[in-house]
């Protein structure tokens, strides 16, 4: 690899823990280190609190992954994100 633009990066975001207003700066910083080839965001998209993400996802070509919140106190998005990270790492 000759430079950072040759690096392929995976960007996996937990929508419950990152405000959508931060995405522009995050994506600019990530682009300094390589090319984000996987861009996914995890959350329960039926929740009204995540409705602000829609435009941001389209503008940045981020793929939303639905993770229902079946129980309180448990974060199923974290588990799905970890499983996807391992799948991406070993493919």
N, C-alpha and C. Protein backbone atom coordinates (compact mmCIF):
# COMPACT_ATOMS: atom_id res chain seq x y z
N UNK A 1 0.84 -1.18 0.00
CA UNK A 1 0.00 0.00 0.00
C UNK A 1 0.88 1.23 0.00
N UNK A 2 0.61 2.12 -0.91
CA UNK A 2 1.43 3.30 -1.05
C UNK A 2 1.01 4.44 -0.14
N UNK A 3 -0.27 4.57 0.10
CA UNK A 3 -0.74 5.66 0.95
C UNK A 3 -2.04 5.26 1.63
N UNK A 4 -2.52 6.16 2.47
CA UNK A 4 -3.73 5.86 3.24
C UNK A 4 -4.97 5.65 2.40
N UNK A 5 -5.02 6.21 1.20
CA UNK A 5 -6.22 6.03 0.38
C UNK A 5 -6.36 4.59 -0.10
N UNK A 6 -5.29 3.80 0.00
CA UNK A 6 -5.35 2.38 -0.36
C UNK A 6 -6.01 1.53 0.72
N UNK A 7 -6.09 2.05 1.94
CA UNK A 7 -6.67 1.29 3.04
C UNK A 7 -8.19 1.21 2.91
N UNK A 8 -8.72 0.02 3.10
CA UNK A 8 -10.17 -0.17 3.09
C UNK A 8 -10.63 -0.23 4.54
N UNK A 9 -11.60 0.60 4.88
CA UNK A 9 -12.06 0.70 6.26
C UNK A 9 -13.53 0.30 6.38
N UNK A 10 -13.88 -0.21 7.55
CA UNK A 10 -15.27 -0.49 7.89
C UNK A 10 -15.70 0.53 8.94
N UNK A 11 -16.82 1.18 8.70
CA UNK A 11 -17.37 2.15 9.64
C UNK A 11 -18.68 1.57 10.17
N UNK A 12 -18.68 1.19 11.43
CA UNK A 12 -19.84 0.59 12.08
C UNK A 12 -20.25 1.50 13.23
N UNK A 13 -21.47 2.00 13.19
CA UNK A 13 -21.92 3.03 14.12
C UNK A 13 -23.12 2.54 14.93
N UNK A 14 -23.11 2.80 16.23
CA UNK A 14 -24.25 2.54 17.09
C UNK A 14 -25.07 3.83 17.16
N UNK A 15 -26.22 3.85 16.51
CA UNK A 15 -27.03 5.07 16.39
C UNK A 15 -27.49 5.60 17.74
N UNK A 16 -27.60 4.74 18.74
CA UNK A 16 -28.04 5.18 20.06
C UNK A 16 -26.97 5.99 20.78
N UNK A 17 -25.72 5.88 20.35
CA UNK A 17 -24.62 6.52 21.06
C UNK A 17 -23.91 7.62 20.29
N UNK A 18 -24.33 7.87 19.05
CA UNK A 18 -23.69 8.91 18.24
C UNK A 18 -24.78 9.82 17.67
N UNK A 19 -24.72 11.12 17.96
CA UNK A 19 -25.71 12.02 17.36
C UNK A 19 -25.46 12.21 15.87
N UNK A 20 -26.54 12.28 15.09
CA UNK A 20 -26.39 12.40 13.64
C UNK A 20 -25.67 13.68 13.23
N UNK A 21 -25.67 14.67 14.08
CA UNK A 21 -24.98 15.93 13.77
C UNK A 21 -23.46 15.76 13.71
N UNK A 22 -22.94 14.66 14.24
CA UNK A 22 -21.49 14.42 14.24
C UNK A 22 -20.98 13.70 12.99
N UNK A 23 -21.87 13.19 12.17
CA UNK A 23 -21.45 12.31 11.07
C UNK A 23 -20.57 13.01 10.05
N UNK A 24 -20.88 14.23 9.67
CA UNK A 24 -20.08 14.92 8.65
C UNK A 24 -18.61 14.97 9.07
N UNK A 25 -18.35 15.42 10.27
CA UNK A 25 -16.98 15.49 10.77
C UNK A 25 -16.33 14.12 10.90
N UNK A 26 -17.11 13.13 11.34
CA UNK A 26 -16.58 11.77 11.46
C UNK A 26 -16.16 11.22 10.11
N UNK A 27 -17.01 11.40 9.10
CA UNK A 27 -16.70 10.86 7.78
C UNK A 27 -15.50 11.57 7.16
N UNK A 28 -15.37 12.87 7.40
CA UNK A 28 -14.20 13.60 6.91
C UNK A 28 -12.92 13.07 7.56
N UNK A 29 -12.97 12.83 8.85
CA UNK A 29 -11.79 12.31 9.56
C UNK A 29 -11.46 10.89 9.10
N UNK A 30 -12.45 10.07 8.95
CA UNK A 30 -12.24 8.69 8.50
C UNK A 30 -11.61 8.67 7.11
N UNK A 31 -12.04 9.56 6.23
CA UNK A 31 -11.51 9.62 4.86
C UNK A 31 -10.02 9.96 4.85
N UNK A 32 -9.52 10.58 5.89
CA UNK A 32 -8.08 10.88 5.98
C UNK A 32 -7.24 9.61 6.13
N UNK A 33 -7.86 8.54 6.61
CA UNK A 33 -7.14 7.30 6.90
C UNK A 33 -7.33 6.22 5.85
N UNK A 34 -8.29 6.38 4.96
CA UNK A 34 -8.55 5.38 3.94
C UNK A 34 -9.93 5.54 3.35
N UNK A 35 -10.37 4.51 2.64
CA UNK A 35 -11.68 4.53 1.98
C UNK A 35 -12.66 3.66 2.76
N UNK A 36 -13.74 4.25 3.26
CA UNK A 36 -14.73 3.43 3.97
C UNK A 36 -15.53 2.59 2.98
N UNK A 37 -15.26 1.29 2.95
CA UNK A 37 -15.94 0.40 2.02
C UNK A 37 -17.21 -0.20 2.62
N UNK A 38 -17.26 -0.31 3.93
CA UNK A 38 -18.46 -0.74 4.64
C UNK A 38 -18.89 0.44 5.50
N UNK A 39 -20.14 0.88 5.34
CA UNK A 39 -20.68 1.94 6.20
C UNK A 39 -22.05 1.48 6.67
N UNK A 40 -22.10 1.10 7.94
CA UNK A 40 -23.35 0.58 8.51
C UNK A 40 -23.64 1.29 9.82
N UNK A 41 -24.92 1.43 10.10
CA UNK A 41 -25.34 2.02 11.36
C UNK A 41 -26.45 1.15 11.95
N UNK A 42 -26.36 0.89 13.23
CA UNK A 42 -27.24 -0.05 13.92
C UNK A 42 -28.15 0.68 14.89
N UNK A 43 -29.41 0.31 14.88
CA UNK A 43 -30.36 0.89 15.82
C UNK A 43 -31.75 0.35 15.59
N UNK A 44 -32.64 0.71 16.51
CA UNK A 44 -34.05 0.37 16.36
C UNK A 44 -34.71 1.53 15.64
N UNK A 45 -34.85 1.41 14.32
CA UNK A 45 -35.32 2.50 13.47
C UNK A 45 -36.80 2.77 13.64
N UNK A 46 -37.49 1.99 14.49
CA UNK A 46 -38.89 2.29 14.79
C UNK A 46 -38.99 3.35 15.89
N UNK A 47 -37.89 3.66 16.56
CA UNK A 47 -37.89 4.66 17.62
C UNK A 47 -37.90 6.07 17.02
N UNK A 48 -38.77 6.93 17.52
CA UNK A 48 -38.80 8.32 17.03
C UNK A 48 -37.48 9.07 17.27
N UNK A 49 -36.73 8.68 18.27
CA UNK A 49 -35.48 9.37 18.59
C UNK A 49 -34.43 9.22 17.49
N UNK A 50 -34.59 8.25 16.60
CA UNK A 50 -33.62 8.04 15.53
C UNK A 50 -34.09 8.61 14.19
N UNK A 51 -35.24 9.27 14.18
CA UNK A 51 -35.80 9.77 12.91
C UNK A 51 -34.92 10.81 12.23
N UNK A 52 -34.11 11.54 12.97
CA UNK A 52 -33.24 12.55 12.39
C UNK A 52 -32.12 12.00 11.53
N UNK A 53 -31.90 10.70 11.62
CA UNK A 53 -30.82 10.06 10.87
C UNK A 53 -31.11 9.89 9.39
N UNK A 54 -32.37 9.89 8.98
CA UNK A 54 -32.74 9.50 7.62
C UNK A 54 -31.97 10.27 6.55
N UNK A 55 -31.99 11.57 6.60
CA UNK A 55 -31.30 12.38 5.59
C UNK A 55 -29.80 12.16 5.63
N UNK A 56 -29.25 12.07 6.82
CA UNK A 56 -27.80 11.88 6.98
C UNK A 56 -27.37 10.55 6.37
N UNK A 57 -28.17 9.51 6.55
CA UNK A 57 -27.85 8.20 5.98
C UNK A 57 -27.81 8.26 4.46
N UNK A 58 -28.79 8.91 3.88
CA UNK A 58 -28.84 9.02 2.42
C UNK A 58 -27.67 9.84 1.88
N UNK A 59 -27.36 10.94 2.53
CA UNK A 59 -26.27 11.82 2.08
C UNK A 59 -24.91 11.14 2.13
N UNK A 60 -24.74 10.21 3.08
CA UNK A 60 -23.43 9.58 3.29
C UNK A 60 -23.39 8.11 2.88
N UNK A 61 -24.44 7.63 2.23
CA UNK A 61 -24.52 6.23 1.78
C UNK A 61 -24.21 5.24 2.90
N UNK A 62 -24.84 5.48 4.05
CA UNK A 62 -24.68 4.60 5.20
C UNK A 62 -25.87 3.65 5.24
N UNK A 63 -25.60 2.36 5.35
CA UNK A 63 -26.63 1.34 5.33
C UNK A 63 -27.19 1.12 6.74
N UNK A 64 -28.49 1.42 6.98
CA UNK A 64 -29.06 1.19 8.30
C UNK A 64 -29.36 -0.29 8.53
N UNK A 65 -29.06 -0.76 9.72
CA UNK A 65 -29.33 -2.15 10.11
C UNK A 65 -30.35 -2.11 11.24
N UNK A 66 -31.51 -2.72 11.03
CA UNK A 66 -32.57 -2.74 12.03
C UNK A 66 -32.23 -3.72 13.14
N UNK A 67 -32.27 -3.23 14.38
CA UNK A 67 -32.05 -4.05 15.56
C UNK A 67 -33.12 -3.68 16.58
N UNK A 68 -34.17 -4.48 16.68
CA UNK A 68 -35.25 -4.18 17.62
C UNK A 68 -34.77 -4.24 19.05
N UNK A 69 -35.34 -3.37 19.88
CA UNK A 69 -35.04 -3.35 21.32
C UNK A 69 -36.08 -4.21 22.02
N UNK A 70 -35.80 -5.48 22.17
CA UNK A 70 -36.77 -6.40 22.77
C UNK A 70 -36.83 -6.28 24.28
N UNK A 71 -35.72 -5.92 24.92
CA UNK A 71 -35.69 -5.80 26.37
C UNK A 71 -35.04 -4.48 26.76
N UNK A 72 -35.45 -3.96 27.90
CA UNK A 72 -34.83 -2.72 28.36
C UNK A 72 -33.52 -3.05 29.07
N UNK A 73 -32.57 -2.17 28.94
CA UNK A 73 -31.28 -2.37 29.58
C UNK A 73 -30.30 -3.19 28.76
N UNK A 74 -30.78 -3.90 27.76
CA UNK A 74 -29.91 -4.70 26.89
C UNK A 74 -29.77 -3.98 25.56
N UNK A 75 -28.57 -3.92 25.05
CA UNK A 75 -28.37 -3.23 23.78
C UNK A 75 -28.07 -4.25 22.69
N UNK A 76 -29.10 -4.62 21.95
CA UNK A 76 -28.94 -5.61 20.89
C UNK A 76 -28.13 -5.05 19.72
N UNK A 77 -28.11 -3.72 19.58
CA UNK A 77 -27.31 -3.10 18.51
C UNK A 77 -25.83 -3.39 18.71
N UNK A 78 -25.37 -3.35 19.95
CA UNK A 78 -23.96 -3.65 20.23
C UNK A 78 -23.59 -5.05 19.78
N UNK A 79 -24.45 -6.01 20.08
CA UNK A 79 -24.17 -7.40 19.71
C UNK A 79 -24.14 -7.57 18.20
N UNK A 80 -25.09 -6.97 17.50
CA UNK A 80 -25.12 -7.08 16.04
C UNK A 80 -23.90 -6.42 15.42
N UNK A 81 -23.49 -5.28 15.96
CA UNK A 81 -22.31 -4.57 15.47
C UNK A 81 -21.06 -5.43 15.64
N UNK A 82 -20.91 -6.05 16.79
CA UNK A 82 -19.74 -6.90 17.05
C UNK A 82 -19.71 -8.09 16.11
N UNK A 83 -20.84 -8.73 15.91
CA UNK A 83 -20.90 -9.89 15.01
C UNK A 83 -20.55 -9.48 13.59
N UNK A 84 -21.09 -8.35 13.12
CA UNK A 84 -20.75 -7.86 11.78
C UNK A 84 -19.27 -7.51 11.67
N UNK A 85 -18.72 -6.90 12.70
CA UNK A 85 -17.29 -6.55 12.68
C UNK A 85 -16.43 -7.80 12.51
N UNK A 86 -16.77 -8.86 13.20
CA UNK A 86 -16.00 -10.11 13.07
C UNK A 86 -16.19 -10.73 11.70
N UNK A 87 -17.41 -10.69 11.18
CA UNK A 87 -17.66 -11.20 9.82
C UNK A 87 -16.85 -10.44 8.78
N UNK A 88 -16.83 -9.12 8.89
CA UNK A 88 -16.08 -8.29 7.94
C UNK A 88 -14.59 -8.56 8.06
N UNK A 89 -14.12 -8.69 9.27
CA UNK A 89 -12.69 -8.92 9.52
C UNK A 89 -12.21 -10.22 8.87
N UNK A 90 -13.04 -11.24 8.91
CA UNK A 90 -12.61 -12.55 8.42
C UNK A 90 -13.16 -12.91 7.04
N UNK A 91 -13.62 -11.92 6.27
CA UNK A 91 -14.04 -12.18 4.88
C UNK A 91 -13.16 -11.44 3.91
